[in-house]
Amino acid sequence: MREELIAELTALKKLIEDAGNAAGRAAISLMSAKKALQDKEDALLMGKVEDVVIDGKNAETRAAQMREHTAVEREKVMHAEAVLEGARTTLANRRAELQINLALTELIKEVA
């Protein structure tokens, strides 16, 4: 049992490191997707996108026009948010596994 815990703790160290790196990459991807969305919105508002004019008579219409022309970018943001949430969940689960194994290690020490 003791050797198994040592092996699992060693493996968990790498899994936690990998999960943390994945969460970091996902956060960067989300920032990049949000920037791309903002850049597209700015270009649309400034009239820098050919054959597209945001000219609705009220804020709701202009917002709808903006959504229509940024669907791809908004989808990428939503996807990046989901990936980040999954990476954070994985990291939290790995940390919980570590805490359980550390508690088991303490129990084994007390018994021995």
PDB file of N, CA and C in Angstrom:
ATOM      1  N   MET A   1       0.832  -1.200   0.000  1.00  0.00           N
ATOM      2  CA  MET A   1       0.000   0.000   0.000  1.00  0.00           C
ATOM      3  C   MET A   1       0.871   1.256   0.000  1.00  0.00           C
ATOM      4  N   ARG A   2       1.917   1.243   0.805  1.00  0.00           N
ATOM      5  CA  ARG A   2       2.787   2.411   0.912  1.00  0.00           C
ATOM      6  C   ARG A   2       3.463   2.719  -0.423  1.00  0.00           C
ATOM      7  N   GLU A   3       3.971   1.678  -1.070  1.00  0.00           N
ATOM      8  CA  GLU A   3       4.647   1.860  -2.351  1.00  0.00           C
ATOM      9  C   GLU A   3       3.671   2.366  -3.417  1.00  0.00           C
ATOM     10  N   GLU A   4       2.443   1.867  -3.343  1.00  0.00           N
ATOM     11  CA  GLU A   4       1.429   2.317  -4.287  1.00  0.00           C
ATOM     12  C   GLU A   4       1.135   3.808  -4.116  1.00  0.00           C
ATOM     13  N   LEU A   5       1.058   4.246  -2.866  1.00  0.00           N
ATOM     14  CA  LEU A   5       0.812   5.664  -2.604  1.00  0.00           C
ATOM     15  C   LEU A   5       1.969   6.531  -3.087  1.00  0.00           C
ATOM     16  N   ILE A   6       3.176   6.067  -2.871  1.00  0.00           N
ATOM     17  CA  ILE A   6       4.342   6.820  -3.333  1.00  0.00           C
ATOM     18  C   ILE A   6       4.303   6.940  -4.858  1.00  0.00           C
ATOM     19  N   ALA A   7       4.006   5.848  -5.521  1.00  0.00           N
ATOM     20  CA  ALA A   7       3.922   5.872  -6.981  1.00  0.00           C
ATOM     21  C   ALA A   7       2.810   6.804  -7.451  1.00  0.00           C
ATOM     22  N   GLU A   8       1.673   6.743  -6.783  1.00  0.00           N
ATOM     23  CA  GLU A   8       0.545   7.589  -7.177  1.00  0.00           C
ATOM     24  C   GLU A   8       0.837   9.062  -6.918  1.00  0.00           C
ATOM     25  N   LEU A   9       1.488   9.372  -5.797  1.00  0.00           N
ATOM     26  CA  LEU A   9       1.850  10.760  -5.510  1.00  0.00           C
ATOM     27  C   LEU A   9       2.833  11.291  -6.548  1.00  0.00           C
ATOM     28  N   THR A  10       3.754  10.458  -6.944  1.00  0.00           N
ATOM     29  CA  THR A  10       4.728  10.855  -7.969  1.00  0.00           C
ATOM     30  C   THR A  10       4.018  11.111  -9.297  1.00  0.00           C
ATOM     31  N   ALA A  11       3.108  10.230  -9.661  1.00  0.00           N
ATOM     32  CA  ALA A  11       2.351  10.401 -10.907  1.00  0.00           C
ATOM     33  C   ALA A  11       1.451  11.636 -10.833  1.00  0.00           C
ATOM     34  N   LEU A  12       0.852  11.870  -9.667  1.00  0.00           N
ATOM     35  CA  LEU A  12      -0.034  13.021  -9.519  1.00  0.00           C
ATOM     36  C   LEU A  12       0.716  14.336  -9.677  1.00  0.00           C
ATOM     37  N   LYS A  13       1.952  14.363  -9.244  1.00  0.00           N
ATOM     38  CA  LYS A  13       2.753  15.582  -9.410  1.00  0.00           C
ATOM     39  C   LYS A  13       2.796  15.977 -10.880  1.00  0.00           C
ATOM     40  N   LYS A  14       3.059  15.017 -11.741  1.00  0.00           N
ATOM     41  CA  LYS A  14       3.120  15.275 -13.185  1.00  0.00           C
ATOM     42  C   LYS A  14       1.734  15.622 -13.734  1.00  0.00           C
ATOM     43  N   LEU A  15       0.701  14.918 -13.285  1.00  0.00           N
ATOM     44  CA  LEU A  15      -0.658  15.195 -13.750  1.00  0.00           C
ATOM     45  C   LEU A  15      -1.106  16.600 -13.360  1.00  0.00           C
ATOM     46  N   ILE A  16      -0.762  17.037 -12.157  1.00  0.00           N
ATOM     47  CA  ILE A  16      -1.126  18.379 -11.704  1.00  0.00           C
ATOM     48  C   ILE A  16      -0.372  19.422 -12.523  1.00  0.00           C
ATOM     49  N   GLU A  17       0.894  19.166 -12.764  1.00  0.00           N
ATOM     50  CA  GLU A  17       1.686  20.079 -13.595  1.00  0.00           C
ATOM     51  C   GLU A  17       1.088  20.185 -14.999  1.00  0.00           C
ATOM     52  N   ASP A  18       0.753  19.054 -15.587  1.00  0.00           N
ATOM     53  CA  ASP A  18       0.152  19.043 -16.931  1.00  0.00           C
ATOM     54  C   ASP A  18      -1.193  19.763 -16.941  1.00  0.00           C
ATOM     55  N   ALA A  19      -2.013  19.523 -15.914  1.00  0.00           N
ATOM     56  CA  ALA A  19      -3.328  20.173 -15.834  1.00  0.00           C
ATOM     57  C   ALA A  19      -3.175  21.681 -15.666  1.00  0.00           C
ATOM     58  N   GLY A  20      -2.203  22.101 -14.879  1.00  0.00           N
ATOM     59  CA  GLY A  20      -1.950  23.528 -14.715  1.00  0.00           C
ATOM     60  C   GLY A  20      -1.501  24.172 -16.018  1.00  0.00           C
ATOM     61  N   ASN A  21      -0.633  23.478 -16.740  1.00  0.00           N
ATOM     62  CA  ASN A  21      -0.181  23.986 -18.042  1.00  0.00           C
ATOM     63  C   ASN A  21      -1.339  24.068 -19.030  1.00  0.00           C
ATOM     64  N   ALA A  22      -2.204  23.060 -19.021  1.00  0.00           N
ATOM     65  CA  ALA A  22      -3.371  23.064 -19.919  1.00  0.00           C
ATOM     66  C   ALA A  22      -4.305  24.228 -19.575  1.00  0.00           C
ATOM     67  N   ALA A  23      -4.498  24.486 -18.287  1.00  0.00           N
ATOM     68  CA  ALA A  23      -5.345  25.606 -17.871  1.00  0.00           C
ATOM     69  C   ALA A  23      -4.724  26.930 -18.312  1.00  0.00           C
ATOM     70  N   GLY A  24      -3.420  27.032 -18.208  1.00  0.00           N
ATOM     71  CA  GLY A  24      -2.735  28.246 -18.659  1.00  0.00           C
ATOM     72  C   GLY A  24      -2.886  28.467 -20.156  1.00  0.00           C
ATOM     73  N   ARG A  25      -2.703  27.401 -20.915  1.00  0.00           N
ATOM     74  CA  ARG A  25      -2.872  27.509 -22.369  1.00  0.00           C
ATOM     75  C   ARG A  25      -4.314  27.863 -22.729  1.00  0.00           C
ATOM     76  N   ALA A  26      -5.266  27.280 -22.008  1.00  0.00           N
ATOM     77  CA  ALA A  26      -6.679  27.565 -22.273  1.00  0.00           C
ATOM     78  C   ALA A  26      -7.002  29.022 -21.947  1.00  0.00           C
ATOM     79  N   ALA A  27      -6.423  29.552 -20.890  1.00  0.00           N
ATOM     80  CA  ALA A  27      -6.652  30.959 -20.533  1.00  0.00           C
ATOM     81  C   ALA A  27      -6.091  31.878 -21.614  1.00  0.00           C
ATOM     82  N   ILE A  28      -4.926  31.537 -22.139  1.00  0.00           N
ATOM     83  CA  ILE A  28      -4.332  32.338 -23.218  1.00  0.00           C
ATOM     84  C   ILE A  28      -5.194  32.263 -24.473  1.00  0.00           C
ATOM     85  N   SER A  29      -5.700  31.076 -24.785  1.00  0.00           N
ATOM     86  CA  SER A  29      -6.582  30.922 -25.949  1.00  0.00           C
ATOM     87  C   SER A  29      -7.854  31.746 -25.792  1.00  0.00           C
ATOM     88  N   LEU A  30      -8.396  31.770 -24.576  1.00  0.00           N
ATOM     89  CA  LEU A  30      -9.600  32.566 -24.332  1.00  0.00           C
ATOM     90  C   LEU A  30      -9.298  34.052 -24.515  1.00  0.00           C
ATOM     91  N   MET A  31      -8.189  34.520 -23.980  1.00  0.00           N
ATOM     92  CA  MET A  31      -7.827  35.932 -24.162  1.00  0.00           C
ATOM     93  C   MET A  31      -7.663  36.263 -25.638  1.00  0.00           C
ATOM     94  N   SER A  32      -7.052  35.362 -26.383  1.00  0.00           N
ATOM     95  CA  SER A  32      -6.853  35.568 -27.812  1.00  0.00           C
ATOM     96  C   SER A  32      -8.189  35.620 -28.554  1.00  0.00           C
ATOM     97  N   ALA A  33      -9.101  34.721 -28.202  1.00  0.00           N
ATOM     98  CA  ALA A  33     -10.419  34.698 -28.843  1.00  0.00           C
ATOM     99  C   ALA A  33     -11.201  35.969 -28.523  1.00  0.00           C
ATOM    100  N   LYS A  34     -11.102  36.434 -27.284  1.00  0.00           N
ATOM    101  CA  LYS A  34     -11.792  37.667 -26.910  1.00  0.00           C
ATOM    102  C   LYS A  34     -11.209  38.866 -27.646  1.00  0.00           C
ATOM    103  N   LYS A  35      -9.904  38.873 -27.806  1.00  0.00           N
ATOM    104  CA  LYS A  35      -9.263  39.973 -28.540  1.00  0.00           C
ATOM    105  C   LYS A  35      -9.701  39.954 -30.006  1.00  0.00           C
ATOM    106  N   ALA A  36      -9.758  38.765 -30.609  1.00  0.00           N
ATOM    107  CA  ALA A  36     -10.195  38.665 -32.005  1.00  0.00           C
ATOM    108  C   ALA A  36     -11.630  39.170 -32.152  1.00  0.00           C
ATOM    109  N   LEU A  37     -12.481  38.843 -31.198  1.00  0.00           N
ATOM    110  CA  LEU A  37     -13.865  39.323 -31.226  1.00  0.00           C
ATOM    111  C   LEU A  37     -13.894  40.843 -31.117  1.00  0.00           C
ATOM    112  N   GLN A  38     -13.138  41.382 -30.177  1.00  0.00           N
ATOM    113  CA  GLN A  38     -13.106  42.835 -30.008  1.00  0.00           C
ATOM    114  C   GLN A  38     -12.570  43.531 -31.253  1.00  0.00           C
ATOM    115  N   ASP A  39     -11.518  42.964 -31.838  1.00  0.00           N
ATOM    116  CA  ASP A  39     -10.958  43.534 -33.064  1.00  0.00           C
ATOM    117  C   ASP A  39     -11.988  43.557 -34.195  1.00  0.00           C
ATOM    118  N   LYS A  40     -12.742  42.469 -34.319  1.00  0.00           N
ATOM    119  CA  LYS A  40     -13.767  42.393 -35.368  1.00  0.00           C
ATOM    120  C   LYS A  40     -14.875  43.404 -35.105  1.00  0.00           C
ATOM    121  N   GLU A  41     -15.310  43.507 -33.856  1.00  0.00           N
ATOM    122  CA  GLU A  41     -16.342  44.484 -33.520  1.00  0.00           C
ATOM    123  C   GLU A  41     -15.858  45.902 -33.816  1.00  0.00           C
ATOM    124  N   ASP A  42     -14.614  46.184 -33.436  1.00  0.00           N
ATOM    125  CA  ASP A  42     -14.051  47.511 -33.701  1.00  0.00           C
ATOM    126  C   ASP A  42     -14.020  47.794 -35.206  1.00  0.00           C
ATOM    127  N   ALA A  43     -13.574  46.807 -35.977  1.00  0.00           N
ATOM    128  CA  ALA A  43     -13.502  46.983 -37.432  1.00  0.00           C
ATOM    129  C   ALA A  43     -14.889  47.222 -38.018  1.00  0.00           C
ATOM    130  N   LEU A  44     -15.873  46.504 -37.510  1.00  0.00           N
ATOM    131  CA  LEU A  44     -17.241  46.695 -37.994  1.00  0.00           C
ATOM    132  C   LEU A  44     -17.742  48.095 -37.655  1.00  0.00           C
ATOM    133  N   LEU A  45     -17.508  48.534 -36.448  1.00  0.00           N
ATOM    134  CA  LEU A  45     -17.979  49.855 -36.027  1.00  0.00           C
ATOM    135  C   LEU A  45     -17.272  50.982 -36.773  1.00  0.00           C
ATOM    136  N   MET A  46     -16.023  50.755 -37.129  1.00  0.00           N
ATOM    137  CA  MET A  46     -15.241  51.781 -37.824  1.00  0.00           C
ATOM    138  C   MET A  46     -15.462  51.723 -39.336  1.00  0.00           C
ATOM    139  N   GLY A  47     -16.274  50.768 -39.804  1.00  0.00           N
ATOM    140  CA  GLY A  47     -16.557  50.657 -41.227  1.00  0.00           C
ATOM    141  C   GLY A  47     -15.396  50.100 -42.026  1.00  0.00           C
ATOM    142  N   LYS A  48     -14.554  49.306 -41.384  1.00  0.00           N
ATOM    143  CA  LYS A  48     -13.368  48.762 -42.049  1.00  0.00           C
ATOM    144  C   LYS A  48     -13.592  47.376 -42.648  1.00  0.00           C
ATOM    145  N   VAL A  49     -14.807  46.881 -42.584  1.00  0.00           N
ATOM    146  CA  VAL A  49     -15.131  45.579 -43.168  1.00  0.00           C
ATOM    147  C   VAL A  49     -15.966  45.842 -44.408  1.00  0.00           C
ATOM    148  N   GLU A  50     -15.447  45.399 -45.545  1.00  0.00           N
ATOM    149  CA  GLU A  50     -16.131  45.661 -46.807  1.00  0.00           C
ATOM    150  C   GLU A  50     -17.524  45.059 -46.834  1.00  0.00           C
ATOM    151  N   ASP A  51     -18.442  45.777 -47.443  1.00  0.00           N
ATOM    152  CA  ASP A  51     -19.821  45.336 -47.663  1.00  0.00           C
ATOM    153  C   ASP A  51     -20.608  45.108 -46.375  1.00  0.00           C
ATOM    154  N   VAL A  52     -20.124  45.654 -45.253  1.00  0.00           N
ATOM    155  CA  VAL A  52     -20.865  45.524 -44.000  1.00  0.00           C
ATOM    156  C   VAL A  52     -20.997  46.906 -43.377  1.00  0.00           C
ATOM    157  N   VAL A  53     -22.226  47.243 -43.035  1.00  0.00           N
ATOM    158  CA  VAL A  53     -22.477  48.517 -42.379  1.00  0.00           C
ATOM    159  C   VAL A  53     -23.343  48.251 -41.158  1.00  0.00           C
ATOM    160  N   ILE A  54     -22.873  48.725 -40.012  1.00  0.00           N
ATOM    161  CA  ILE A  54     -23.669  48.646 -38.788  1.00  0.00           C
ATOM    162  C   ILE A  54     -24.387  49.993 -38.691  1.00  0.00           C
ATOM    163  N   ASP A  55     -25.678  49.988 -39.038  1.00  0.00           N
ATOM    164  CA  ASP A  55     -26.401  51.259 -39.161  1.00  0.00           C
ATOM    165  C   ASP A  55     -27.824  51.202 -38.618  1.00  0.00           C
ATOM    166  N   GLY A  56     -28.047  50.294 -37.689  1.00  0.00           N
ATOM    167  CA  GLY A  56     -29.402  50.176 -37.144  1.00  0.00           C
ATOM    168  C   GLY A  56     -29.871  51.470 -36.519  1.00  0.00           C
ATOM    169  N   LYS A  57     -31.197  51.655 -36.498  1.00  0.00           N
ATOM    170  CA  LYS A  57     -31.770  52.898 -35.984  1.00  0.00           C
ATOM    171  C   LYS A  57     -31.748  52.973 -34.463  1.00  0.00           C
ATOM    172  N   ASN A  58     -31.575  51.824 -33.792  1.00  0.00           N
ATOM    173  CA  ASN A  58     -31.500  51.847 -32.333  1.00  0.00           C
ATOM    174  C   ASN A  58     -30.431  50.858 -31.863  1.00  0.00           C
ATOM    175  N   ALA A  59     -30.125  50.914 -30.584  1.00  0.00           N
ATOM    176  CA  ALA A  59     -29.043  50.091 -30.028  1.00  0.00           C
ATOM    177  C   ALA A  59     -29.311  48.599 -30.205  1.00  0.00           C
ATOM    178  N   GLU A  60     -30.562  48.193 -30.055  1.00  0.00           N
ATOM    179  CA  GLU A  60     -30.888  46.777 -30.186  1.00  0.00           C
ATOM    180  C   GLU A  60     -30.633  46.279 -31.602  1.00  0.00           C
ATOM    181  N   THR A  61     -31.007  47.071 -32.579  1.00  0.00           N
ATOM    182  CA  THR A  61     -30.790  46.678 -33.976  1.00  0.00           C
ATOM    183  C   THR A  61     -29.302  46.634 -34.295  1.00  0.00           C
ATOM    184  N   ARG A  62     -28.566  47.629 -33.836  1.00  0.00           N
ATOM    185  CA  ARG A  62     -27.115  47.637 -34.073  1.00  0.00           C
ATOM    186  C   ARG A  62     -26.449  46.445 -33.391  1.00  0.00           C
ATOM    187  N   ALA A  63     -26.905  46.104 -32.181  1.00  0.00           N
ATOM    188  CA  ALA A  63     -26.348  44.945 -31.472  1.00  0.00           C
ATOM    189  C   ALA A  63     -26.639  43.657 -32.242  1.00  0.00           C
ATOM    190  N   ALA A  64     -27.848  43.555 -32.792  1.00  0.00           N
ATOM    191  CA  ALA A  64     -28.201  42.374 -33.584  1.00  0.00           C
ATOM    192  C   ALA A  64     -27.343  42.290 -34.842  1.00  0.00           C
ATOM    193  N   GLN A  65     -27.121  43.422 -35.490  1.00  0.00           N
ATOM    194  CA  GLN A  65     -26.262  43.435 -36.670  1.00  0.00           C
ATOM    195  C   GLN A  65     -24.835  43.010 -36.294  1.00  0.00           C
ATOM    196  N   MET A  66     -24.361  43.486 -35.160  1.00  0.00           N
ATOM    197  CA  MET A  66     -23.020  43.143 -34.700  1.00  0.00           C
ATOM    198  C   MET A  66     -22.923  41.637 -34.439  1.00  0.00           C
ATOM    199  N   ARG A  67     -23.923  41.093 -33.759  1.00  0.00           N
ATOM    200  CA  ARG A  67     -23.916  39.644 -33.486  1.00  0.00           C
ATOM    201  C   ARG A  67     -23.931  38.843 -34.774  1.00  0.00           C
ATOM    202  N   GLU A  68     -24.701  39.308 -35.734  1.00  0.00           N
ATOM    203  CA  GLU A  68     -24.793  38.610 -37.019  1.00  0.00           C
ATOM    204  C   GLU A  68     -23.427  38.515 -37.699  1.00  0.00           C
ATOM    205  N   HIS A  69     -22.649  39.561 -37.591  1.00  0.00           N
ATOM    206  CA  HIS A  69     -21.363  39.605 -38.301  1.00  0.00           C
ATOM    207  C   HIS A  69     -20.174  39.137 -37.452  1.00  0.00           C
ATOM    208  N   THR A  70     -20.449  38.738 -36.225  1.00  0.00           N
ATOM    209  CA  THR A  70     -19.358  38.238 -35.358  1.00  0.00           C
ATOM    210  C   THR A  70     -19.662  36.836 -34.825  1.00  0.00           C
ATOM    211  N   ALA A  71     -20.535  36.128 -35.497  1.00  0.00           N
ATOM    212  CA  ALA A  71     -20.943  34.800 -35.016  1.00  0.00           C
ATOM    213  C   ALA A  71     -19.758  33.854 -34.860  1.00  0.00           C
ATOM    214  N   VAL A  72     -18.875  33.843 -35.830  1.00  0.00           N
ATOM    215  CA  VAL A  72     -17.722  32.932 -35.775  1.00  0.00           C
ATOM    216  C   VAL A  72     -16.830  33.271 -34.584  1.00  0.00           C
ATOM    217  N   GLU A  73     -16.563  34.547 -34.405  1.00  0.00           N
ATOM    218  CA  GLU A  73     -15.695  34.977 -33.304  1.00  0.00           C
ATOM    219  C   GLU A  73     -16.340  34.693 -31.946  1.00  0.00           C
ATOM    220  N   ARG A  74     -17.640  34.921 -31.836  1.00  0.00           N
ATOM    221  CA  ARG A  74     -18.333  34.634 -30.577  1.00  0.00           C
ATOM    222  C   ARG A  74     -18.338  33.137 -30.276  1.00  0.00           C
ATOM    223  N   GLU A  75     -18.484  32.320 -31.307  1.00  0.00           N
ATOM    224  CA  GLU A  75     -18.430  30.857 -31.134  1.00  0.00           C
ATOM    225  C   GLU A  75     -17.050  30.436 -30.618  1.00  0.00           C
ATOM    226  N   LYS A  76     -16.004  31.045 -31.143  1.00  0.00           N
ATOM    227  CA  LYS A  76     -14.648  30.729 -30.687  1.00  0.00           C
ATOM    228  C   LYS A  76     -14.449  31.121 -29.223  1.00  0.00           C
ATOM    229  N   VAL A  77     -15.025  32.240 -28.821  1.00  0.00           N
ATOM    230  CA  VAL A  77     -14.945  32.653 -27.416  1.00  0.00           C
ATOM    231  C   VAL A  77     -15.665  31.636 -26.535  1.00  0.00           C
ATOM    232  N   MET A  78     -16.863  31.235 -26.940  1.00  0.00           N
ATOM    233  CA  MET A  78     -17.621  30.263 -26.143  1.00  0.00           C
ATOM    234  C   MET A  78     -16.871  28.938 -26.042  1.00  0.00           C
ATOM    235  N   HIS A  79     -16.281  28.513 -27.147  1.00  0.00           N
ATOM    236  CA  HIS A  79     -15.513  27.267 -27.132  1.00  0.00           C
ATOM    237  C   HIS A  79     -14.308  27.404 -26.196  1.00  0.00           C
ATOM    238  N   ALA A  80     -13.600  28.511 -26.286  1.00  0.00           N
ATOM    239  CA  ALA A  80     -12.426  28.731 -25.432  1.00  0.00           C
ATOM    240  C   ALA A  80     -12.825  28.777 -23.959  1.00  0.00           C
ATOM    241  N   GLU A  81     -13.978  29.349 -23.655  1.00  0.00           N
ATOM    242  CA  GLU A  81     -14.475  29.378 -22.269  1.00  0.00           C
ATOM    243  C   GLU A  81     -14.751  27.960 -21.771  1.00  0.00           C
ATOM    244  N   ALA A  82     -15.343  27.135 -22.623  1.00  0.00           N
ATOM    245  CA  ALA A  82     -15.635  25.751 -22.241  1.00  0.00           C
ATOM    246  C   ALA A  82     -14.351  24.959 -22.024  1.00  0.00           C
ATOM    247  N   VAL A  83     -13.376  25.156 -22.883  1.00  0.00           N
ATOM    248  CA  VAL A  83     -12.092  24.459 -22.731  1.00  0.00           C
ATOM    249  C   VAL A  83     -11.424  24.878 -21.427  1.00  0.00           C
ATOM    250  N   LEU A  84     -11.445  26.174 -21.133  1.00  0.00           N
ATOM    251  CA  LEU A  84     -10.840  26.659 -19.887  1.00  0.00           C
ATOM    252  C   LEU A  84     -11.554  26.079 -18.678  1.00  0.00           C
ATOM    253  N   GLU A  85     -12.870  26.050 -18.719  1.00  0.00           N
ATOM    254  CA  GLU A  85     -13.627  25.480 -17.591  1.00  0.00           C
ATOM    255  C   GLU A  85     -13.281  24.008 -17.398  1.00  0.00           C
ATOM    256  N   GLY A  86     -13.170  23.266 -18.491  1.00  0.00           N
ATOM    257  CA  GLY A  86     -12.784  21.861 -18.395  1.00  0.00           C
ATOM    258  C   GLY A  86     -11.383  21.691 -17.823  1.00  0.00           C
ATOM    259  N   ALA A  87     -10.466  22.544 -18.248  1.00  0.00           N
ATOM    260  CA  ALA A  87      -9.088  22.470 -17.746  1.00  0.00           C
ATOM    261  C   ALA A  87      -9.041  22.801 -16.261  1.00  0.00           C
ATOM    262  N   ARG A  88      -9.811  23.796 -15.838  1.00  0.00           N
ATOM    263  CA  ARG A  88      -9.856  24.151 -14.412  1.00  0.00           C
ATOM    264  C   ARG A  88     -10.458  23.021 -13.582  1.00  0.00           C
ATOM    265  N   THR A  89     -11.477  22.378 -14.122  1.00  0.00           N
ATOM    266  CA  THR A  89     -12.100  21.258 -13.416  1.00  0.00           C
ATOM    267  C   THR A  89     -11.111  20.103 -13.271  1.00  0.00           C
ATOM    268  N   THR A  90     -10.401  19.801 -14.335  1.00  0.00           N
ATOM    269  CA  THR A  90      -9.396  18.743 -14.278  1.00  0.00           C
ATOM    270  C   THR A  90      -8.330  19.062 -13.244  1.00  0.00           C
ATOM    271  N   LEU A  91      -7.864  20.297 -13.231  1.00  0.00           N
ATOM    272  CA  LEU A  91      -6.855  20.709 -12.256  1.00  0.00           C
ATOM    273  C   LEU A  91      -7.389  20.576 -10.833  1.00  0.00           C
ATOM    274  N   ALA A  92      -8.605  21.010 -10.610  1.00  0.00           N
ATOM    275  CA  ALA A  92      -9.209  20.898  -9.275  1.00  0.00           C
ATOM    276  C   ALA A  92      -9.351  19.437  -8.859  1.00  0.00           C
ATOM    277  N   ASN A  93      -9.739  18.577  -9.793  1.00  0.00           N
ATOM    278  CA  ASN A  93      -9.864  17.153  -9.483  1.00  0.00           C
ATOM    279  C   ASN A  93      -8.520  16.537  -9.127  1.00  0.00           C
ATOM    280  N   ARG A  94      -7.487  16.904  -9.862  1.00  0.00           N
ATOM    281  CA  ARG A  94      -6.138  16.386  -9.578  1.00  0.00           C
ATOM    282  C   ARG A  94      -5.664  16.852  -8.194  1.00  0.00           C
ATOM    283  N   ARG A  95      -5.947  18.101  -7.874  1.00  0.00           N
ATOM    284  CA  ARG A  95      -5.554  18.610  -6.552  1.00  0.00           C
ATOM    285  C   ARG A  95      -6.323  17.890  -5.451  1.00  0.00           C
ATOM    286  N   ALA A  96      -7.594  17.587  -5.699  1.00  0.00           N
ATOM    287  CA  ALA A  96      -8.384  16.840  -4.713  1.00  0.00           C
ATOM    288  C   ALA A  96      -7.808  15.433  -4.529  1.00  0.00           C
ATOM    289  N   GLU A  97      -7.407  14.801  -5.630  1.00  0.00           N
ATOM    290  CA  GLU A  97      -6.768  13.479  -5.537  1.00  0.00           C
ATOM    291  C   GLU A  97      -5.500  13.559  -4.696  1.00  0.00           C
ATOM    292  N   LEU A  98      -4.739  14.610  -4.886  1.00  0.00           N
ATOM    293  CA  LEU A  98      -3.516  14.792  -4.112  1.00  0.00           C
ATOM    294  C   LEU A  98      -3.840  14.904  -2.624  1.00  0.00           C
ATOM    295  N   GLN A  99      -4.838  15.693  -2.286  1.00  0.00           N
ATOM    296  CA  GLN A  99      -5.206  15.854  -0.880  1.00  0.00           C
ATOM    297  C   GLN A  99      -5.657  14.529  -0.258  1.00  0.00           C
ATOM    298  N   ILE A 100      -6.406  13.753  -1.011  1.00  0.00           N
ATOM    299  CA  ILE A 100      -6.843  12.441  -0.518  1.00  0.00           C
ATOM    300  C   ILE A 100      -5.646  11.543  -0.278  1.00  0.00           C
ATOM    301  N   ASN A 101      -4.736  11.524  -1.229  1.00  0.00           N
ATOM    302  CA  ASN A 101      -3.556  10.677  -1.076  1.00  0.00           C
ATOM    303  C   ASN A 101      -2.657  11.141   0.059  1.00  0.00           C
ATOM    304  N   LEU A 102      -2.558  12.432   0.258  1.00  0.00           N
ATOM    305  CA  LEU A 102      -1.769  12.939   1.381  1.00  0.00           C
ATOM    306  C   LEU A 102      -2.412  12.550   2.710  1.00  0.00           C
ATOM    307  N   ALA A 103      -3.744  12.586   2.757  1.00  0.00           N
ATOM    308  CA  ALA A 103      -4.447  12.157   3.970  1.00  0.00           C
ATOM    309  C   ALA A 103      -4.224  10.674   4.226  1.00  0.00           C
ATOM    310  N   LEU A 104      -4.270   9.867   3.176  1.00  0.00           N
ATOM    311  CA  LEU A 104      -4.003   8.437   3.318  1.00  0.00           C
ATOM    312  C   LEU A 104      -2.580   8.195   3.790  1.00  0.00           C
ATOM    313  N   THR A 105      -1.650   8.990   3.300  1.00  0.00           N
ATOM    314  CA  THR A 105      -0.251   8.867   3.718  1.00  0.00           C
ATOM    315  C   THR A 105      -0.129   9.128   5.212  1.00  0.00           C
ATOM    316  N   GLU A 106      -0.828  10.147   5.685  1.00  0.00           N
ATOM    317  CA  GLU A 106      -0.800  10.455   7.126  1.00  0.00           C
ATOM    318  C   GLU A 106      -1.393   9.309   7.941  1.00  0.00           C
ATOM    319  N   LEU A 107      -2.476   8.718   7.449  1.00  0.00           N
ATOM    320  CA  LEU A 107      -3.082   7.580   8.142  1.00  0.00           C
ATOM    321  C   LEU A 107      -2.115   6.406   8.213  1.00  0.00           C
ATOM    322  N   ILE A 108      -1.428   6.145   7.129  1.00  0.00           N
ATOM    323  CA  ILE A 108      -0.483   5.030   7.099  1.00  0.00           C
ATOM    324  C   ILE A 108       0.662   5.299   8.078  1.00  0.00           C
ATOM    325  N   LYS A 109       1.104   6.535   8.170  1.00  0.00           N
ATOM    326  CA  LYS A 109       2.181   6.883   9.111  1.00  0.00           C
ATOM    327  C   LYS A 109       1.748   6.615  10.544  1.00  0.00           C
ATOM    328  N   GLU A 110       0.495   6.972  10.849  1.00  0.00           N
ATOM    329  CA  GLU A 110      -0.011   6.784  12.205  1.00  0.00           C
ATOM    330  C   GLU A 110      -0.153   5.315  12.566  1.00  0.00           C
ATOM    331  N   VAL A 111      -0.518   4.499  11.599  1.00  0.00           N
ATOM    332  CA  VAL A 111      -0.693   3.063  11.837  1.00  0.00           C
ATOM    333  C   VAL A 111       0.656   2.376  12.007  1.00  0.00           C
ATOM    334  N   ALA A 112       1.634   2.829  11.264  1.00  0.00           N
ATOM    335  CA  ALA A 112       2.962   2.183  11.275  1.00  0.00           C
ATOM    336  C   ALA A 112       3.757   2.510  12.478  1.00  0.00           C
TER     337      ALA A 112
END
